[in-house]
């Protein structure tokens, strides 16, 4: 239990410092989740609850297969007070403090992006793990895969819907680059 308290203080201090530096006094409150709550919500981060596993690579796009993922985030479907949630956990081959920094940066940016209609809303985070975990609202329609498939059945979306999604993603990306302060 002492390790959780130490992680919470360390992660909380770094997160607070980054939030103060990047929000320009604007407040967007998020809930604090306890580690035990997320462990129960995801059935101890059961492999069967993985929605997606995203690797982050460094290097040229053509060489991605030749490099191991230095940071990855795994998204788990969970249930908290009978409401579906997504819990994002980070891992990787970098030092723990580098992965922690990446996770906290994700919390800061996602907090600021949560008011955009085309971005998955951040419900809260858990600072008790050595690497903070993010808690998002559940995407009711599921997640798109890399080829534009939808759901476990690999059902492909019509081009008209893909174009609409692309346009909405472009709006969200524009918002990210123009409306938010630089971190």
N, C-alpha and C. Protein backbone atom coordinates (compact mmCIF):
# COMPACT_ATOMS: atom_id res chain seq x y z
N UNK A 1 0.82 -1.20 0.00
CA UNK A 1 0.00 0.00 0.00
C UNK A 1 0.86 1.26 0.00
N UNK A 2 2.03 1.20 0.62
CA UNK A 2 2.92 2.34 0.66
C UNK A 2 3.39 2.72 -0.75
N UNK A 3 3.59 1.71 -1.62
CA UNK A 3 4.02 1.98 -2.99
C UNK A 3 2.94 2.75 -3.74
N UNK A 4 1.67 2.41 -3.51
CA UNK A 4 0.58 3.14 -4.16
C UNK A 4 0.54 4.59 -3.72
N UNK A 5 0.73 4.83 -2.44
CA UNK A 5 0.73 6.20 -1.92
C UNK A 5 1.89 6.98 -2.51
N UNK A 6 3.06 6.36 -2.60
CA UNK A 6 4.24 7.03 -3.17
C UNK A 6 4.00 7.34 -4.65
N UNK A 7 3.45 6.36 -5.39
CA UNK A 7 3.14 6.58 -6.81
C UNK A 7 2.14 7.70 -6.99
N UNK A 8 1.11 7.71 -6.12
CA UNK A 8 0.08 8.73 -6.20
C UNK A 8 0.66 10.12 -5.98
N UNK A 9 1.53 10.26 -4.99
CA UNK A 9 2.14 11.57 -4.72
C UNK A 9 3.08 12.00 -5.85
N UNK A 10 3.91 11.08 -6.30
CA UNK A 10 4.85 11.41 -7.39
C UNK A 10 4.10 11.78 -8.65
N UNK A 11 3.17 10.92 -9.07
CA UNK A 11 2.41 11.18 -10.29
C UNK A 11 1.54 12.41 -10.16
N UNK A 12 0.93 12.60 -9.00
CA UNK A 12 0.07 13.76 -8.78
C UNK A 12 0.84 15.07 -8.86
N UNK A 13 2.04 15.09 -8.30
CA UNK A 13 2.86 16.31 -8.34
C UNK A 13 3.24 16.66 -9.78
N UNK A 14 3.66 15.65 -10.54
CA UNK A 14 4.05 15.90 -11.93
C UNK A 14 2.83 16.34 -12.75
N UNK A 15 1.69 15.66 -12.56
CA UNK A 15 0.47 16.00 -13.29
C UNK A 15 0.02 17.41 -12.96
N UNK A 16 0.01 17.76 -11.69
CA UNK A 16 -0.43 19.10 -11.29
C UNK A 16 0.47 20.17 -11.89
N UNK A 17 1.76 19.95 -11.86
CA UNK A 17 2.70 20.90 -12.45
C UNK A 17 2.43 21.08 -13.95
N UNK A 18 2.23 19.96 -14.66
CA UNK A 18 1.96 20.04 -16.10
C UNK A 18 0.61 20.69 -16.40
N UNK A 19 -0.40 20.38 -15.59
CA UNK A 19 -1.72 20.99 -15.81
C UNK A 19 -1.68 22.50 -15.59
N UNK A 20 -1.02 22.92 -14.54
CA UNK A 20 -0.92 24.35 -14.26
C UNK A 20 -0.18 25.06 -15.40
N UNK A 21 0.88 24.44 -15.88
CA UNK A 21 1.67 25.05 -16.95
C UNK A 21 0.93 25.12 -18.28
N UNK A 22 -0.02 24.22 -18.50
CA UNK A 22 -0.61 24.13 -19.84
C UNK A 22 -2.06 24.60 -19.94
N UNK A 23 -2.75 24.81 -18.85
CA UNK A 23 -4.18 25.13 -18.96
C UNK A 23 -4.49 26.61 -18.87
N UNK A 24 -3.51 27.44 -18.55
CA UNK A 24 -3.73 28.88 -18.51
C UNK A 24 -4.90 29.25 -17.59
N UNK A 25 -5.02 28.55 -16.48
CA UNK A 25 -6.04 28.86 -15.50
C UNK A 25 -7.41 28.26 -15.77
N UNK A 26 -7.58 27.58 -16.90
CA UNK A 26 -8.87 26.96 -17.21
C UNK A 26 -8.98 25.64 -16.47
N UNK A 27 -10.16 25.37 -15.99
CA UNK A 27 -10.37 24.16 -15.19
C UNK A 27 -11.25 23.16 -15.95
N UNK A 28 -10.83 21.94 -15.99
CA UNK A 28 -11.62 20.85 -16.57
C UNK A 28 -11.46 19.66 -15.62
N UNK A 29 -12.29 19.61 -14.57
CA UNK A 29 -12.08 18.60 -13.53
C UNK A 29 -12.26 17.17 -14.04
N UNK A 30 -11.43 16.29 -13.50
CA UNK A 30 -11.54 14.86 -13.79
C UNK A 30 -11.56 14.11 -12.46
N UNK A 31 -12.13 12.93 -12.51
CA UNK A 31 -12.29 12.12 -11.30
C UNK A 31 -11.01 11.36 -11.01
N UNK A 32 -10.72 11.17 -9.73
CA UNK A 32 -9.61 10.32 -9.32
C UNK A 32 -10.16 8.93 -9.05
N UNK A 33 -9.61 7.93 -9.70
CA UNK A 33 -9.98 6.54 -9.47
C UNK A 33 -8.90 5.88 -8.62
N UNK A 34 -9.31 5.01 -7.74
CA UNK A 34 -8.37 4.21 -6.96
C UNK A 34 -7.97 2.99 -7.78
N UNK A 35 -6.75 2.51 -7.55
CA UNK A 35 -6.26 1.34 -8.26
C UNK A 35 -7.20 0.15 -8.07
N UNK A 36 -7.67 -0.06 -6.86
CA UNK A 36 -8.56 -1.19 -6.59
C UNK A 36 -9.85 -1.10 -7.41
N UNK A 37 -10.35 0.12 -7.63
CA UNK A 37 -11.56 0.28 -8.43
C UNK A 37 -11.33 -0.17 -9.87
N UNK A 38 -10.18 0.18 -10.43
CA UNK A 38 -9.90 -0.19 -11.82
C UNK A 38 -9.55 -1.66 -11.95
N UNK A 39 -8.93 -2.22 -10.94
CA UNK A 39 -8.64 -3.65 -10.95
C UNK A 39 -9.94 -4.44 -10.96
N UNK A 40 -10.89 -4.03 -10.15
CA UNK A 40 -12.21 -4.70 -10.13
C UNK A 40 -12.95 -4.44 -11.44
N UNK A 41 -12.92 -3.20 -11.92
CA UNK A 41 -13.66 -2.83 -13.14
C UNK A 41 -13.19 -3.61 -14.36
N UNK A 42 -11.91 -3.97 -14.40
CA UNK A 42 -11.36 -4.66 -15.57
C UNK A 42 -11.06 -6.14 -15.29
N UNK A 43 -11.52 -6.62 -14.15
CA UNK A 43 -11.25 -8.01 -13.74
C UNK A 43 -9.74 -8.27 -13.75
N UNK A 44 -9.04 -7.39 -13.02
CA UNK A 44 -7.57 -7.46 -12.90
C UNK A 44 -6.88 -7.34 -14.27
N UNK A 45 -7.38 -6.45 -15.10
CA UNK A 45 -6.83 -6.21 -16.43
C UNK A 45 -6.72 -7.52 -17.22
N UNK A 46 -7.83 -8.20 -17.24
CA UNK A 46 -7.95 -9.49 -17.93
C UNK A 46 -7.71 -9.31 -19.43
N UNK A 47 -6.94 -10.22 -20.00
CA UNK A 47 -6.61 -10.19 -21.43
C UNK A 47 -7.86 -10.21 -22.31
N UNK A 48 -8.92 -10.84 -21.84
CA UNK A 48 -10.16 -10.92 -22.62
C UNK A 48 -10.89 -9.58 -22.68
N UNK A 49 -10.46 -8.64 -21.86
CA UNK A 49 -11.10 -7.32 -21.85
C UNK A 49 -10.32 -6.30 -22.69
N UNK A 50 -9.27 -6.73 -23.35
CA UNK A 50 -8.49 -5.79 -24.18
C UNK A 50 -9.31 -5.42 -25.41
N UNK A 51 -9.46 -4.11 -25.60
CA UNK A 51 -10.16 -3.59 -26.78
C UNK A 51 -9.14 -3.39 -27.89
N UNK A 52 -8.05 -2.70 -27.57
CA UNK A 52 -6.98 -2.47 -28.55
C UNK A 52 -5.65 -2.32 -27.83
N UNK A 53 -4.60 -2.65 -28.55
CA UNK A 53 -3.24 -2.55 -28.05
C UNK A 53 -2.47 -1.73 -29.08
N UNK A 54 -2.08 -0.50 -28.70
CA UNK A 54 -1.44 0.42 -29.63
C UNK A 54 0.04 0.55 -29.34
N UNK A 55 0.90 0.18 -30.30
CA UNK A 55 2.34 0.43 -30.11
C UNK A 55 2.72 1.81 -30.64
N UNK A 56 3.66 2.46 -29.96
CA UNK A 56 4.27 3.69 -30.46
C UNK A 56 5.69 3.35 -30.87
N UNK A 57 6.06 3.72 -32.07
CA UNK A 57 7.40 3.43 -32.58
C UNK A 57 8.14 4.74 -32.77
N UNK A 58 9.44 4.66 -32.72
CA UNK A 58 10.28 5.78 -33.13
C UNK A 58 10.99 5.34 -34.40
N UNK A 59 11.17 6.22 -35.31
CA UNK A 59 11.85 5.86 -36.55
C UNK A 59 10.96 6.05 -37.74
N UNK A 60 11.44 5.69 -38.87
CA UNK A 60 10.76 5.84 -40.15
C UNK A 60 9.58 4.89 -40.25
N UNK A 61 8.50 5.35 -40.84
CA UNK A 61 7.29 4.52 -40.99
C UNK A 61 7.60 3.23 -41.73
N UNK A 62 8.47 3.28 -42.74
CA UNK A 62 8.80 2.08 -43.50
C UNK A 62 9.53 1.05 -42.68
N UNK A 63 10.13 1.48 -41.58
CA UNK A 63 10.94 0.58 -40.77
C UNK A 63 10.24 0.12 -39.50
N UNK A 64 8.94 0.37 -39.37
CA UNK A 64 8.23 0.05 -38.13
C UNK A 64 8.34 -1.42 -37.75
N UNK A 65 8.30 -2.31 -38.72
CA UNK A 65 8.35 -3.72 -38.41
C UNK A 65 9.71 -4.14 -37.86
N UNK A 66 10.74 -3.35 -38.12
CA UNK A 66 12.09 -3.69 -37.67
C UNK A 66 12.39 -3.19 -36.26
N UNK A 67 11.53 -2.34 -35.70
CA UNK A 67 11.78 -1.75 -34.39
C UNK A 67 10.71 -2.22 -33.40
N UNK A 68 11.11 -2.52 -32.18
CA UNK A 68 10.10 -2.84 -31.17
C UNK A 68 9.38 -1.57 -30.73
N UNK A 69 8.17 -1.71 -30.27
CA UNK A 69 7.43 -0.55 -29.77
C UNK A 69 8.09 -0.08 -28.48
N UNK A 70 8.42 1.19 -28.42
CA UNK A 70 9.05 1.71 -27.22
C UNK A 70 8.04 2.04 -26.14
N UNK A 71 6.85 2.42 -26.56
CA UNK A 71 5.74 2.66 -25.62
C UNK A 71 4.49 2.07 -26.26
N UNK A 72 3.69 1.44 -25.45
CA UNK A 72 2.40 0.97 -25.95
C UNK A 72 1.35 1.30 -24.91
N UNK A 73 0.14 1.54 -25.40
CA UNK A 73 -0.95 1.67 -24.45
C UNK A 73 -2.00 0.62 -24.81
N UNK A 74 -2.48 -0.01 -23.78
CA UNK A 74 -3.47 -1.07 -23.93
C UNK A 74 -4.77 -0.54 -23.35
N UNK A 75 -5.84 -0.69 -24.13
CA UNK A 75 -7.15 -0.21 -23.70
C UNK A 75 -8.01 -1.41 -23.31
N UNK A 76 -8.55 -1.34 -22.09
CA UNK A 76 -9.37 -2.40 -21.53
C UNK A 76 -10.81 -1.91 -21.37
N UNK A 77 -11.75 -2.78 -21.68
CA UNK A 77 -13.14 -2.47 -21.40
C UNK A 77 -13.40 -2.83 -19.95
N UNK A 78 -14.07 -1.94 -19.26
CA UNK A 78 -14.39 -2.19 -17.86
C UNK A 78 -15.79 -1.74 -17.55
N UNK A 79 -16.18 -1.96 -16.32
CA UNK A 79 -17.50 -1.53 -15.85
C UNK A 79 -17.33 -0.93 -14.46
N UNK A 80 -17.79 0.31 -14.31
CA UNK A 80 -17.69 1.00 -13.04
C UNK A 80 -19.08 1.51 -12.66
N UNK A 81 -19.60 1.02 -11.56
CA UNK A 81 -20.97 1.35 -11.13
C UNK A 81 -21.97 1.10 -12.26
N UNK A 82 -21.84 -0.04 -12.89
CA UNK A 82 -22.72 -0.49 -13.97
C UNK A 82 -22.67 0.40 -15.21
N UNK A 83 -21.63 1.18 -15.36
CA UNK A 83 -21.43 1.99 -16.57
C UNK A 83 -20.17 1.51 -17.25
N UNK A 84 -20.22 1.32 -18.58
CA UNK A 84 -19.01 0.87 -19.28
C UNK A 84 -17.96 1.98 -19.36
N UNK A 85 -16.71 1.60 -19.19
CA UNK A 85 -15.60 2.54 -19.27
C UNK A 85 -14.47 1.89 -20.07
N UNK A 86 -13.51 2.70 -20.46
CA UNK A 86 -12.28 2.23 -21.09
C UNK A 86 -11.13 2.67 -20.20
N UNK A 87 -10.27 1.73 -19.86
CA UNK A 87 -9.10 2.04 -19.04
C UNK A 87 -7.86 1.88 -19.92
N UNK A 88 -7.06 2.93 -19.99
CA UNK A 88 -5.84 2.92 -20.81
C UNK A 88 -4.63 2.83 -19.90
N UNK A 89 -3.84 1.76 -20.11
CA UNK A 89 -2.60 1.57 -19.34
C UNK A 89 -1.41 1.62 -20.30
N UNK A 90 -0.31 2.18 -19.81
CA UNK A 90 0.90 2.32 -20.61
C UNK A 90 1.97 1.33 -20.15
N UNK A 91 2.72 0.81 -21.12
CA UNK A 91 3.89 -0.03 -20.85
C UNK A 91 4.93 0.30 -21.90
N UNK A 92 6.09 -0.33 -21.82
CA UNK A 92 7.08 -0.11 -22.86
C UNK A 92 8.46 -0.56 -22.44
N UNK A 93 9.40 -0.32 -23.35
CA UNK A 93 10.78 -0.72 -23.08
C UNK A 93 11.63 0.46 -22.64
N UNK A 94 11.04 1.64 -22.51
CA UNK A 94 11.75 2.80 -22.02
C UNK A 94 11.82 2.74 -20.49
N UNK A 95 12.58 3.66 -19.92
CA UNK A 95 12.62 3.77 -18.46
C UNK A 95 11.24 4.16 -17.94
N UNK A 96 10.94 3.75 -16.72
CA UNK A 96 9.62 4.01 -16.14
C UNK A 96 9.30 5.50 -16.11
N UNK A 97 10.26 6.36 -15.80
CA UNK A 97 9.98 7.79 -15.74
C UNK A 97 9.65 8.37 -17.12
N UNK A 98 10.20 7.80 -18.19
CA UNK A 98 9.88 8.26 -19.54
C UNK A 98 8.46 7.86 -19.92
N UNK A 99 8.07 6.64 -19.55
CA UNK A 99 6.71 6.18 -19.83
C UNK A 99 5.72 6.98 -18.98
N UNK A 100 6.07 7.24 -17.72
CA UNK A 100 5.22 8.04 -16.83
C UNK A 100 5.01 9.43 -17.43
N UNK A 101 6.08 10.03 -17.93
CA UNK A 101 5.99 11.36 -18.54
C UNK A 101 5.03 11.33 -19.73
N UNK A 102 5.12 10.29 -20.53
CA UNK A 102 4.23 10.14 -21.69
C UNK A 102 2.77 10.02 -21.23
N UNK A 103 2.53 9.21 -20.21
CA UNK A 103 1.16 9.02 -19.70
C UNK A 103 0.60 10.32 -19.13
N UNK A 104 1.40 11.05 -18.40
CA UNK A 104 0.93 12.32 -17.82
C UNK A 104 0.68 13.34 -18.91
N UNK A 105 1.53 13.38 -19.92
CA UNK A 105 1.29 14.28 -21.06
C UNK A 105 -0.04 13.92 -21.73
N UNK A 106 -0.32 12.63 -21.84
CA UNK A 106 -1.59 12.18 -22.42
C UNK A 106 -2.76 12.66 -21.58
N UNK A 107 -2.64 12.59 -20.26
CA UNK A 107 -3.72 13.08 -19.38
C UNK A 107 -3.94 14.57 -19.60
N UNK A 108 -2.86 15.34 -19.64
CA UNK A 108 -2.97 16.79 -19.80
C UNK A 108 -3.65 17.14 -21.13
N UNK A 109 -3.17 16.54 -22.20
CA UNK A 109 -3.74 16.84 -23.52
C UNK A 109 -5.18 16.36 -23.62
N UNK A 110 -5.44 15.15 -23.16
CA UNK A 110 -6.79 14.60 -23.24
C UNK A 110 -7.77 15.39 -22.38
N UNK A 111 -7.31 15.89 -21.25
CA UNK A 111 -8.16 16.75 -20.41
C UNK A 111 -8.60 17.98 -21.19
N UNK A 112 -7.67 18.57 -21.91
CA UNK A 112 -7.99 19.76 -22.69
C UNK A 112 -8.85 19.44 -23.91
N UNK A 113 -8.68 18.26 -24.46
CA UNK A 113 -9.42 17.85 -25.66
C UNK A 113 -10.81 17.32 -25.33
N UNK A 114 -11.08 16.99 -24.08
CA UNK A 114 -12.32 16.31 -23.71
C UNK A 114 -13.59 17.09 -24.03
N UNK A 115 -13.47 18.40 -24.21
CA UNK A 115 -14.68 19.15 -24.53
C UNK A 115 -14.97 19.19 -26.03
N UNK A 116 -14.12 18.56 -26.85
CA UNK A 116 -14.36 18.51 -28.29
C UNK A 116 -15.28 17.33 -28.59
N UNK A 117 -16.27 17.55 -29.44
CA UNK A 117 -17.29 16.52 -29.69
C UNK A 117 -16.75 15.27 -30.38
N UNK A 118 -15.62 15.36 -31.05
CA UNK A 118 -15.09 14.21 -31.79
C UNK A 118 -13.95 13.50 -31.06
N UNK A 119 -13.80 13.76 -29.79
CA UNK A 119 -12.73 13.16 -29.01
C UNK A 119 -13.35 12.37 -27.87
N UNK A 120 -12.80 11.19 -27.63
CA UNK A 120 -13.26 10.36 -26.53
C UNK A 120 -13.05 11.11 -25.22
N UNK A 121 -14.08 11.22 -24.41
CA UNK A 121 -14.02 12.01 -23.19
C UNK A 121 -13.21 11.30 -22.11
N UNK A 122 -12.36 12.07 -21.44
CA UNK A 122 -11.60 11.56 -20.30
C UNK A 122 -12.47 11.70 -19.06
N UNK A 123 -12.75 10.58 -18.43
CA UNK A 123 -13.56 10.59 -17.21
C UNK A 123 -12.69 10.86 -15.99
N UNK A 124 -11.50 10.29 -15.98
CA UNK A 124 -10.61 10.47 -14.84
C UNK A 124 -9.31 9.73 -15.05
N UNK A 125 -8.57 9.58 -13.96
CA UNK A 125 -7.30 8.87 -14.03
C UNK A 125 -7.00 8.24 -12.69
N UNK A 126 -6.05 7.33 -12.71
CA UNK A 126 -5.57 6.69 -11.48
C UNK A 126 -4.08 6.95 -11.38
N UNK A 127 -3.69 7.61 -10.32
CA UNK A 127 -2.29 7.95 -10.11
C UNK A 127 -1.59 6.95 -9.19
N UNK A 128 -2.32 5.95 -8.70
CA UNK A 128 -1.75 5.00 -7.74
C UNK A 128 -0.85 3.95 -8.38
N UNK A 129 -0.98 3.72 -9.67
CA UNK A 129 -0.08 2.80 -10.35
C UNK A 129 1.25 3.52 -10.60
N UNK A 130 2.36 2.80 -10.72
CA UNK A 130 3.63 3.47 -11.02
C UNK A 130 3.54 4.31 -12.30
N UNK A 131 2.81 3.83 -13.30
CA UNK A 131 2.51 4.60 -14.51
C UNK A 131 1.01 4.92 -14.44
N UNK A 132 0.62 6.20 -14.45
CA UNK A 132 -0.80 6.53 -14.33
C UNK A 132 -1.64 5.87 -15.43
N UNK A 133 -2.88 5.56 -15.07
CA UNK A 133 -3.84 4.99 -16.02
C UNK A 133 -4.93 6.02 -16.28
N UNK A 134 -5.42 6.06 -17.51
CA UNK A 134 -6.50 6.97 -17.89
C UNK A 134 -7.81 6.21 -17.94
N UNK A 135 -8.89 6.88 -17.60
CA UNK A 135 -10.22 6.29 -17.67
C UNK A 135 -11.07 7.15 -18.59
N UNK A 136 -11.55 6.54 -19.67
CA UNK A 136 -12.36 7.24 -20.67
C UNK A 136 -13.79 6.74 -20.63
N UNK A 137 -14.69 7.57 -21.16
CA UNK A 137 -16.03 7.09 -21.39
C UNK A 137 -15.95 5.96 -22.41
N UNK A 138 -16.91 5.08 -22.40
CA UNK A 138 -16.90 3.96 -23.34
C UNK A 138 -17.40 4.41 -24.70
N UNK A 139 -16.71 4.03 -25.74
CA UNK A 139 -17.13 4.35 -27.11
C UNK A 139 -18.26 3.39 -27.48
N UNK A 140 -19.47 3.89 -27.47
CA UNK A 140 -20.64 3.04 -27.67
C UNK A 140 -20.60 2.26 -28.97
N UNK A 141 -20.03 2.85 -30.00
CA UNK A 141 -19.98 2.17 -31.30
C UNK A 141 -18.70 1.35 -31.48
N UNK A 142 -17.86 1.30 -30.48
CA UNK A 142 -16.62 0.55 -30.60
C UNK A 142 -15.53 1.39 -31.24
N UNK A 143 -14.45 0.74 -31.59
CA UNK A 143 -13.30 1.45 -32.15
C UNK A 143 -13.05 0.97 -33.58
N UNK A 144 -12.56 1.89 -34.39
CA UNK A 144 -12.18 1.52 -35.75
C UNK A 144 -10.81 0.88 -35.74
N UNK A 145 -10.61 -0.08 -36.63
CA UNK A 145 -9.27 -0.65 -36.75
C UNK A 145 -8.49 0.12 -37.81
N UNK A 146 -7.26 -0.28 -38.06
CA UNK A 146 -6.40 0.45 -38.99
C UNK A 146 -6.94 0.49 -40.42
N UNK A 147 -7.72 -0.50 -40.82
CA UNK A 147 -8.23 -0.56 -42.20
C UNK A 147 -9.65 0.00 -42.33
N UNK A 148 -10.15 0.64 -41.28
CA UNK A 148 -11.50 1.20 -41.35
C UNK A 148 -12.57 0.18 -41.02
N UNK A 149 -12.16 -0.95 -40.49
CA UNK A 149 -13.12 -1.96 -40.04
C UNK A 149 -13.69 -1.54 -38.70
N UNK A 150 -14.81 -2.12 -38.37
CA UNK A 150 -15.53 -1.70 -37.20
C UNK A 150 -15.90 -2.92 -36.38
N UNK A 151 -15.41 -2.99 -35.15
CA UNK A 151 -15.78 -4.09 -34.27
C UNK A 151 -15.00 -5.35 -34.55
N UNK A 152 -15.33 -6.37 -33.79
CA UNK A 152 -14.61 -7.64 -33.86
C UNK A 152 -14.86 -8.39 -35.17
N UNK A 153 -15.99 -8.11 -35.82
CA UNK A 153 -16.34 -8.83 -37.05
C UNK A 153 -15.64 -8.27 -38.28
N UNK A 154 -14.83 -7.22 -38.08
CA UNK A 154 -14.14 -6.58 -39.20
C UNK A 154 -15.13 -6.06 -40.25
N UNK A 155 -16.28 -5.61 -39.78
CA UNK A 155 -17.29 -5.04 -40.67
C UNK A 155 -16.77 -3.70 -41.18
N UNK A 156 -16.67 -3.55 -42.50
CA UNK A 156 -16.13 -2.33 -43.07
C UNK A 156 -17.22 -1.30 -43.26
N UNK A 157 -16.86 -0.06 -43.02
CA UNK A 157 -17.79 1.04 -43.15
C UNK A 157 -17.86 1.52 -44.59
N UNK A 158 -19.02 2.01 -45.01
CA UNK A 158 -19.14 2.58 -46.35
C UNK A 158 -18.26 3.83 -46.48
N UNK A 159 -17.87 4.13 -47.72
CA UNK A 159 -16.98 5.26 -47.97
C UNK A 159 -17.56 6.58 -47.48
N UNK A 160 -18.85 6.76 -47.59
CA UNK A 160 -19.47 8.02 -47.15
C UNK A 160 -19.26 8.22 -45.65
N UNK A 161 -19.39 7.17 -44.88
CA UNK A 161 -19.19 7.27 -43.43
C UNK A 161 -17.70 7.46 -43.12
N UNK A 162 -16.83 6.77 -43.87
CA UNK A 162 -15.39 6.94 -43.67
C UNK A 162 -14.97 8.38 -43.94
N UNK A 163 -15.54 8.99 -44.98
CA UNK A 163 -15.24 10.39 -45.28
C UNK A 163 -15.69 11.32 -44.16
N UNK A 164 -16.89 11.06 -43.63
CA UNK A 164 -17.40 11.89 -42.52
C UNK A 164 -16.49 11.76 -41.31
N UNK A 165 -16.07 10.54 -41.00
CA UNK A 165 -15.17 10.31 -39.87
C UNK A 165 -13.83 11.02 -40.10
N UNK A 166 -13.32 10.93 -41.33
CA UNK A 166 -12.06 11.60 -41.65
C UNK A 166 -12.17 13.11 -41.46
N UNK A 167 -13.28 13.67 -41.88
CA UNK A 167 -13.51 15.11 -41.72
C UNK A 167 -13.57 15.48 -40.24
N UNK A 168 -14.27 14.68 -39.45
CA UNK A 168 -14.37 14.95 -38.02
C UNK A 168 -13.01 14.80 -37.32
N UNK A 169 -12.22 13.83 -37.76
CA UNK A 169 -10.87 13.68 -37.21
C UNK A 169 -10.00 14.88 -37.56
N UNK A 170 -10.16 15.37 -38.78
CA UNK A 170 -9.40 16.56 -39.19
C UNK A 170 -9.78 17.76 -38.33
N UNK A 171 -11.06 17.90 -38.02
CA UNK A 171 -11.49 19.00 -37.14
C UNK A 171 -10.88 18.85 -35.75
N UNK A 172 -10.87 17.64 -35.23
CA UNK A 172 -10.29 17.40 -33.90
C UNK A 172 -8.80 17.68 -33.91
N UNK A 173 -8.11 17.29 -34.97
CA UNK A 173 -6.68 17.53 -35.07
C UNK A 173 -6.39 19.02 -35.20
N UNK A 174 -7.20 19.72 -35.96
CA UNK A 174 -7.05 21.18 -36.08
C UNK A 174 -7.25 21.84 -34.73
N UNK A 175 -8.26 21.39 -34.00
CA UNK A 175 -8.52 21.91 -32.66
C UNK A 175 -7.30 21.68 -31.77
N UNK A 176 -6.74 20.47 -31.84
CA UNK A 176 -5.58 20.14 -31.03
C UNK A 176 -4.42 21.09 -31.31
N UNK A 177 -4.21 21.43 -32.57
CA UNK A 177 -3.06 22.24 -32.95
C UNK A 177 -3.31 23.75 -32.83
N UNK A 178 -4.56 24.18 -32.83
CA UNK A 178 -4.80 25.61 -32.82
C UNK A 178 -5.42 26.12 -31.52
N UNK A 179 -6.27 25.36 -30.88
CA UNK A 179 -7.01 25.85 -29.72
C UNK A 179 -6.32 25.57 -28.41
N UNK A 180 -5.40 24.62 -28.38
CA UNK A 180 -4.75 24.27 -27.12
C UNK A 180 -3.41 24.95 -27.00
N UNK A 181 -3.04 25.21 -25.78
CA UNK A 181 -1.71 25.78 -25.54
C UNK A 181 -0.67 24.72 -25.78
N UNK A 182 0.47 25.15 -26.19
CA UNK A 182 1.58 24.22 -26.44
C UNK A 182 2.13 23.69 -25.12
N UNK A 183 2.34 22.38 -25.10
CA UNK A 183 2.82 21.76 -23.86
C UNK A 183 4.32 21.58 -23.93
